[in-house]
Amino acid sequence: MKLILAIVQDKDSNRLANEFIDANVRATKLSSTGGFLKSGNSTFIVGIDDERVQEVLDLIKETCQSRKQYVSTPVSLDLSLDGQVPYPVEVEVGGATVFVLPVDAFQRY
Protein backbone atom coordinates (compact mmCIF):
# COMPACT_ATOMS: atom_id res chain seq x y z
CA MET A 1 0.00 0.00 0.00
CA LYS A 2 1.15 3.54 -0.78
CA LEU A 3 0.18 7.01 0.34
CA ILE A 4 0.06 9.59 -2.45
CA LEU A 5 0.17 13.29 -1.60
CA ALA A 6 -0.65 15.43 -4.64
CA ILE A 7 -0.50 19.22 -4.45
CA VAL A 8 -2.38 20.76 -7.38
CA GLN A 9 -3.53 24.24 -8.35
CA ASP A 10 -7.14 25.05 -7.44
CA LYS A 11 -8.01 25.43 -11.14
CA ASP A 12 -7.30 21.70 -11.60
CA SER A 13 -8.63 20.37 -8.31
CA ASN A 14 -12.31 19.90 -9.22
CA ARG A 15 -11.45 18.10 -12.46
CA LEU A 16 -9.02 15.84 -10.60
CA ALA A 17 -11.60 15.10 -7.91
CA ASN A 18 -14.08 14.09 -10.62
CA GLU A 19 -11.47 11.88 -12.30
CA PHE A 20 -10.82 10.15 -8.97
CA ILE A 21 -14.55 9.54 -8.51
CA ASP A 22 -14.89 8.10 -12.03
CA ALA A 23 -11.90 5.78 -11.39
CA ASN A 24 -13.23 4.72 -7.96
CA VAL A 25 -10.22 6.24 -6.18
CA ARG A 26 -10.89 7.42 -2.64
CA ALA A 27 -9.17 10.70 -1.85
CA THR A 28 -9.26 13.38 0.83
CA LYS A 29 -8.97 16.94 -0.45
CA LEU A 30 -7.46 19.68 1.73
CA SER A 31 -7.21 23.38 0.93
CA SER A 32 -3.67 24.73 1.00
CA THR A 33 -1.74 27.80 -0.12
CA GLY A 34 1.27 27.83 -2.41
CA GLY A 35 4.54 29.54 -1.62
CA PHE A 36 5.84 31.52 -4.60
CA LEU A 37 2.60 33.04 -5.92
CA LYS A 38 0.66 32.55 -2.68
CA SER A 39 -2.18 31.16 -4.75
CA GLY A 40 -4.74 28.59 -3.74
CA ASN A 41 -3.85 24.94 -3.99
CA SER A 42 -5.50 21.69 -3.05
CA THR A 43 -3.68 18.77 -1.50
CA PHE A 44 -5.10 15.32 -2.21
CA ILE A 45 -4.32 12.45 0.15
CA VAL A 46 -4.81 9.05 -1.47
CA GLY A 47 -4.24 5.65 0.10
CA ILE A 48 -3.97 3.12 -2.73
CA ASP A 49 -2.87 -0.45 -3.36
CA ASP A 50 0.56 -0.83 -4.96
CA GLU A 51 -0.83 -2.13 -8.26
CA ARG A 52 -2.99 1.02 -8.74
CA VAL A 53 -0.30 3.63 -8.00
CA GLN A 54 0.62 4.16 -11.66
CA GLU A 55 -3.06 4.53 -12.58
CA VAL A 56 -3.45 7.33 -10.02
CA LEU A 57 -0.23 9.02 -11.14
CA ASP A 58 -1.44 8.91 -14.75
CA LEU A 59 -4.76 10.53 -13.76
CA ILE A 60 -2.90 13.32 -11.99
CA LYS A 61 -0.51 13.85 -14.90
CA GLU A 62 -3.33 14.00 -17.48
CA THR A 63 -5.53 16.32 -15.41
CA CYS A 64 -3.01 18.77 -13.93
CA GLN A 65 -1.16 20.43 -16.78
CA SER A 66 1.21 23.35 -16.27
CA ARG A 67 0.47 26.60 -18.07
CA LYS A 68 1.89 30.11 -18.46
CA GLN A 69 0.51 33.04 -16.44
CA TYR A 70 1.52 36.68 -16.12
CA VAL A 71 2.08 38.17 -12.65
CA SER A 72 3.16 41.66 -11.65
CA THR A 73 6.52 42.11 -10.00
CA PRO A 74 6.29 43.44 -6.44
CA VAL A 75 6.49 47.21 -5.99
CA SER A 76 9.72 48.28 -4.30
CA LEU A 77 9.68 51.10 -1.75
CA ASP A 78 13.42 51.66 -2.20
CA LEU A 79 13.71 55.30 -3.34
CA SER A 80 17.22 54.75 -4.71
CA LEU A 81 15.72 52.75 -7.59
CA ASP A 82 14.58 55.71 -9.71
CA GLY A 83 11.49 55.11 -11.78
CA GLN A 84 11.13 51.41 -11.10
CA VAL A 85 7.64 50.40 -12.18
CA PRO A 86 6.16 46.94 -11.68
CA TYR A 87 5.80 45.03 -14.92
CA PRO A 88 4.23 41.67 -15.77
CA VAL A 89 6.46 38.61 -15.74
CA GLU A 90 5.52 35.31 -17.34
CA VAL A 91 5.73 32.32 -14.97
CA GLU A 92 4.76 28.68 -15.25
CA VAL A 93 1.93 27.61 -12.93
CA GLY A 94 -0.16 24.53 -12.46
CA GLY A 95 0.93 20.97 -12.84
CA ALA A 96 1.25 18.88 -9.72
CA THR A 97 3.79 18.07 -7.05
CA VAL A 98 3.36 14.44 -6.03
CA PHE A 99 4.87 12.39 -3.23
CA VAL A 100 4.50 8.60 -3.07
CA LEU A 101 5.19 7.17 0.37
CA PRO A 102 5.18 3.61 1.71
CA VAL A 103 2.47 2.73 4.23
CA ASP A 104 3.20 0.30 7.05
CA ALA A 105 -0.41 -0.08 8.15
CA PHE A 106 -3.84 1.04 7.02
CA GLN A 107 -7.06 0.89 9.05
CA ARG A 108 -10.58 1.90 8.08
CA TYR A 109 -13.14 2.22 10.88
C-alpha atoms as a PDB file:
ATOM      1  CA  MET A   1       0.000   0.000   0.000  1.00  0.00           C
ATOM      2  CA  LYS A   2       1.153   3.539  -0.779  1.00  0.00           C
ATOM      3  CA  LEU A   3       0.180   7.013   0.341  1.00  0.00           C
ATOM      4  CA  ILE A   4       0.064   9.591  -2.453  1.00  0.00           C
ATOM      5  CA  LEU A   5       0.172  13.294  -1.600  1.00  0.00           C
ATOM      6  CA  ALA A   6      -0.646  15.427  -4.635  1.00  0.00           C
ATOM      7  CA  ILE A   7      -0.498  19.220  -4.453  1.00  0.00           C
ATOM      8  CA  VAL A   8      -2.378  20.764  -7.380  1.00  0.00           C
ATOM      9  CA  GLN A   9      -3.530  24.240  -8.351  1.00  0.00           C
ATOM     10  CA  ASP A  10      -7.144  25.045  -7.440  1.00  0.00           C
ATOM     11  CA  LYS A  11      -8.014  25.425 -11.135  1.00  0.00           C
ATOM     12  CA  ASP A  12      -7.301  21.705 -11.598  1.00  0.00           C
ATOM     13  CA  SER A  13      -8.627  20.367  -8.306  1.00  0.00           C
ATOM     14  CA  ASN A  14     -12.305  19.904  -9.224  1.00  0.00           C
ATOM     15  CA  ARG A  15     -11.452  18.100 -12.457  1.00  0.00           C
ATOM     16  CA  LEU A  16      -9.016  15.845 -10.604  1.00  0.00           C
ATOM     17  CA  ALA A  17     -11.596  15.100  -7.907  1.00  0.00           C
ATOM     18  CA  ASN A  18     -14.082  14.091 -10.625  1.00  0.00           C
ATOM     19  CA  GLU A  19     -11.469  11.879 -12.299  1.00  0.00           C
ATOM     20  CA  PHE A  20     -10.821  10.153  -8.965  1.00  0.00           C
ATOM     21  CA  ILE A  21     -14.554   9.543  -8.506  1.00  0.00           C
ATOM     22  CA  ASP A  22     -14.888   8.100 -12.030  1.00  0.00           C
ATOM     23  CA  ALA A  23     -11.905   5.784 -11.394  1.00  0.00           C
ATOM     24  CA  ASN A  24     -13.231   4.723  -7.959  1.00  0.00           C
ATOM     25  CA  VAL A  25     -10.216   6.235  -6.176  1.00  0.00           C
ATOM     26  CA  ARG A  26     -10.886   7.418  -2.640  1.00  0.00           C
ATOM     27  CA  ALA A  27      -9.174  10.701  -1.847  1.00  0.00           C
ATOM     28  CA  THR A  28      -9.260  13.376   0.825  1.00  0.00           C
ATOM     29  CA  LYS A  29      -8.974  16.945  -0.446  1.00  0.00           C
ATOM     30  CA  LEU A  30      -7.459  19.679   1.725  1.00  0.00           C
ATOM     31  CA  SER A  31      -7.212  23.381   0.927  1.00  0.00           C
ATOM     32  CA  SER A  32      -3.670  24.729   0.997  1.00  0.00           C
ATOM     33  CA  THR A  33      -1.738  27.803  -0.116  1.00  0.00           C
ATOM     34  CA  GLY A  34       1.269  27.830  -2.413  1.00  0.00           C
ATOM     35  CA  GLY A  35       4.538  29.541  -1.622  1.00  0.00           C
ATOM     36  CA  PHE A  36       5.836  31.522  -4.598  1.00  0.00           C
ATOM     37  CA  LEU A  37       2.600  33.036  -5.922  1.00  0.00           C
ATOM     38  CA  LYS A  38       0.664  32.548  -2.676  1.00  0.00           C
ATOM     39  CA  SER A  39      -2.176  31.162  -4.746  1.00  0.00           C
ATOM     40  CA  GLY A  40      -4.735  28.590  -3.745  1.00  0.00           C
ATOM     41  CA  ASN A  41      -3.848  24.936  -3.987  1.00  0.00           C
ATOM     42  CA  SER A  42      -5.499  21.689  -3.050  1.00  0.00           C
ATOM     43  CA  THR A  43      -3.680  18.766  -1.502  1.00  0.00           C
ATOM     44  CA  PHE A  44      -5.101  15.323  -2.213  1.00  0.00           C
ATOM     45  CA  ILE A  45      -4.319  12.453   0.148  1.00  0.00           C
ATOM     46  CA  VAL A  46      -4.808   9.045  -1.473  1.00  0.00           C
ATOM     47  CA  GLY A  47      -4.239   5.649   0.098  1.00  0.00           C
ATOM     48  CA  ILE A  48      -3.974   3.117  -2.725  1.00  0.00           C
ATOM     49  CA  ASP A  49      -2.866  -0.453  -3.355  1.00  0.00           C
ATOM     50  CA  ASP A  50       0.561  -0.831  -4.959  1.00  0.00           C
ATOM     51  CA  GLU A  51      -0.829  -2.128  -8.256  1.00  0.00           C
ATOM     52  CA  ARG A  52      -2.991   1.024  -8.736  1.00  0.00           C
ATOM     53  CA  VAL A  53      -0.298   3.631  -7.999  1.00  0.00           C
ATOM     54  CA  GLN A  54       0.620   4.159 -11.657  1.00  0.00           C
ATOM     55  CA  GLU A  55      -3.065   4.531 -12.580  1.00  0.00           C
ATOM     56  CA  VAL A  56      -3.453   7.332 -10.022  1.00  0.00           C
ATOM     57  CA  LEU A  57      -0.226   9.015 -11.140  1.00  0.00           C
ATOM     58  CA  ASP A  58      -1.436   8.911 -14.752  1.00  0.00           C
ATOM     59  CA  LEU A  59      -4.760  10.526 -13.763  1.00  0.00           C
ATOM     60  CA  ILE A  60      -2.902  13.317 -11.988  1.00  0.00           C
ATOM     61  CA  LYS A  61      -0.515  13.852 -14.901  1.00  0.00           C
ATOM     62  CA  GLU A  62      -3.328  14.000 -17.480  1.00  0.00           C
ATOM     63  CA  THR A  63      -5.531  16.322 -15.413  1.00  0.00           C
ATOM     64  CA  CYS A  64      -3.015  18.767 -13.926  1.00  0.00           C
ATOM     65  CA  GLN A  65      -1.156  20.430 -16.778  1.00  0.00           C
ATOM     66  CA  SER A  66       1.212  23.352 -16.271  1.00  0.00           C
ATOM     67  CA  ARG A  67       0.467  26.604 -18.074  1.00  0.00           C
ATOM     68  CA  LYS A  68       1.894  30.113 -18.463  1.00  0.00           C
ATOM     69  CA  GLN A  69       0.515  33.039 -16.443  1.00  0.00           C
ATOM     70  CA  TYR A  70       1.518  36.676 -16.121  1.00  0.00           C
ATOM     71  CA  VAL A  71       2.077  38.168 -12.652  1.00  0.00           C
ATOM     72  CA  SER A  72       3.161  41.659 -11.650  1.00  0.00           C
ATOM     73  CA  THR A  73       6.518  42.114 -10.002  1.00  0.00           C
ATOM     74  CA  PRO A  74       6.285  43.438  -6.443  1.00  0.00           C
ATOM     75  CA  VAL A  75       6.490  47.211  -5.986  1.00  0.00           C
ATOM     76  CA  SER A  76       9.721  48.282  -4.301  1.00  0.00           C
ATOM     77  CA  LEU A  77       9.681  51.097  -1.747  1.00  0.00           C
ATOM     78  CA  ASP A  78      13.424  51.661  -2.203  1.00  0.00           C
ATOM     79  CA  LEU A  79      13.709  55.298  -3.341  1.00  0.00           C
ATOM     80  CA  SER A  80      17.215  54.746  -4.707  1.00  0.00           C
ATOM     81  CA  LEU A  81      15.723  52.750  -7.593  1.00  0.00           C
ATOM     82  CA  ASP A  82      14.581  55.705  -9.709  1.00  0.00           C
ATOM     83  CA  GLY A  83      11.495  55.112 -11.782  1.00  0.00           C
ATOM     84  CA  GLN A  84      11.129  51.410 -11.096  1.00  0.00           C
ATOM     85  CA  VAL A  85       7.639  50.401 -12.182  1.00  0.00           C
ATOM     86  CA  PRO A  86       6.160  46.943 -11.678  1.00  0.00           C
ATOM     87  CA  TYR A  87       5.801  45.026 -14.916  1.00  0.00           C
ATOM     88  CA  PRO A  88       4.229  41.670 -15.767  1.00  0.00           C
ATOM     89  CA  VAL A  89       6.455  38.612 -15.745  1.00  0.00           C
ATOM     90  CA  GLU A  90       5.523  35.307 -17.344  1.00  0.00           C
ATOM     91  CA  VAL A  91       5.728  32.325 -14.966  1.00  0.00           C
ATOM     92  CA  GLU A  92       4.760  28.685 -15.251  1.00  0.00           C
ATOM     93  CA  VAL A  93       1.932  27.613 -12.926  1.00  0.00           C
ATOM     94  CA  GLY A  94      -0.156  24.526 -12.458  1.00  0.00           C
ATOM     95  CA  GLY A  95       0.928  20.973 -12.840  1.00  0.00           C
ATOM     96  CA  ALA A  96       1.247  18.885  -9.716  1.00  0.00           C
ATOM     97  CA  THR A  97       3.789  18.074  -7.049  1.00  0.00           C
ATOM     98  CA  VAL A  98       3.358  14.441  -6.034  1.00  0.00           C
ATOM     99  CA  PHE A  99       4.874  12.387  -3.234  1.00  0.00           C
ATOM    100  CA  VAL A 100       4.495   8.599  -3.071  1.00  0.00           C
ATOM    101  CA  LEU A 101       5.188   7.168   0.366  1.00  0.00           C
ATOM    102  CA  PRO A 102       5.183   3.609   1.709  1.00  0.00           C
ATOM    103  CA  VAL A 103       2.466   2.732   4.228  1.00  0.00           C
ATOM    104  CA  ASP A 104       3.203   0.304   7.048  1.00  0.00           C
ATOM    105  CA  ALA A 105      -0.415  -0.075   8.150  1.00  0.00           C
ATOM    106  CA  PHE A 106      -3.840   1.040   7.016  1.00  0.00           C
ATOM    107  CA  GLN A 107      -7.057   0.889   9.054  1.00  0.00           C
ATOM    108  CA  ARG A 108     -10.576   1.895   8.077  1.00  0.00           C
ATOM    109  CA  TYR A 109     -13.137   2.221  10.881  1.00  0.00           C
END
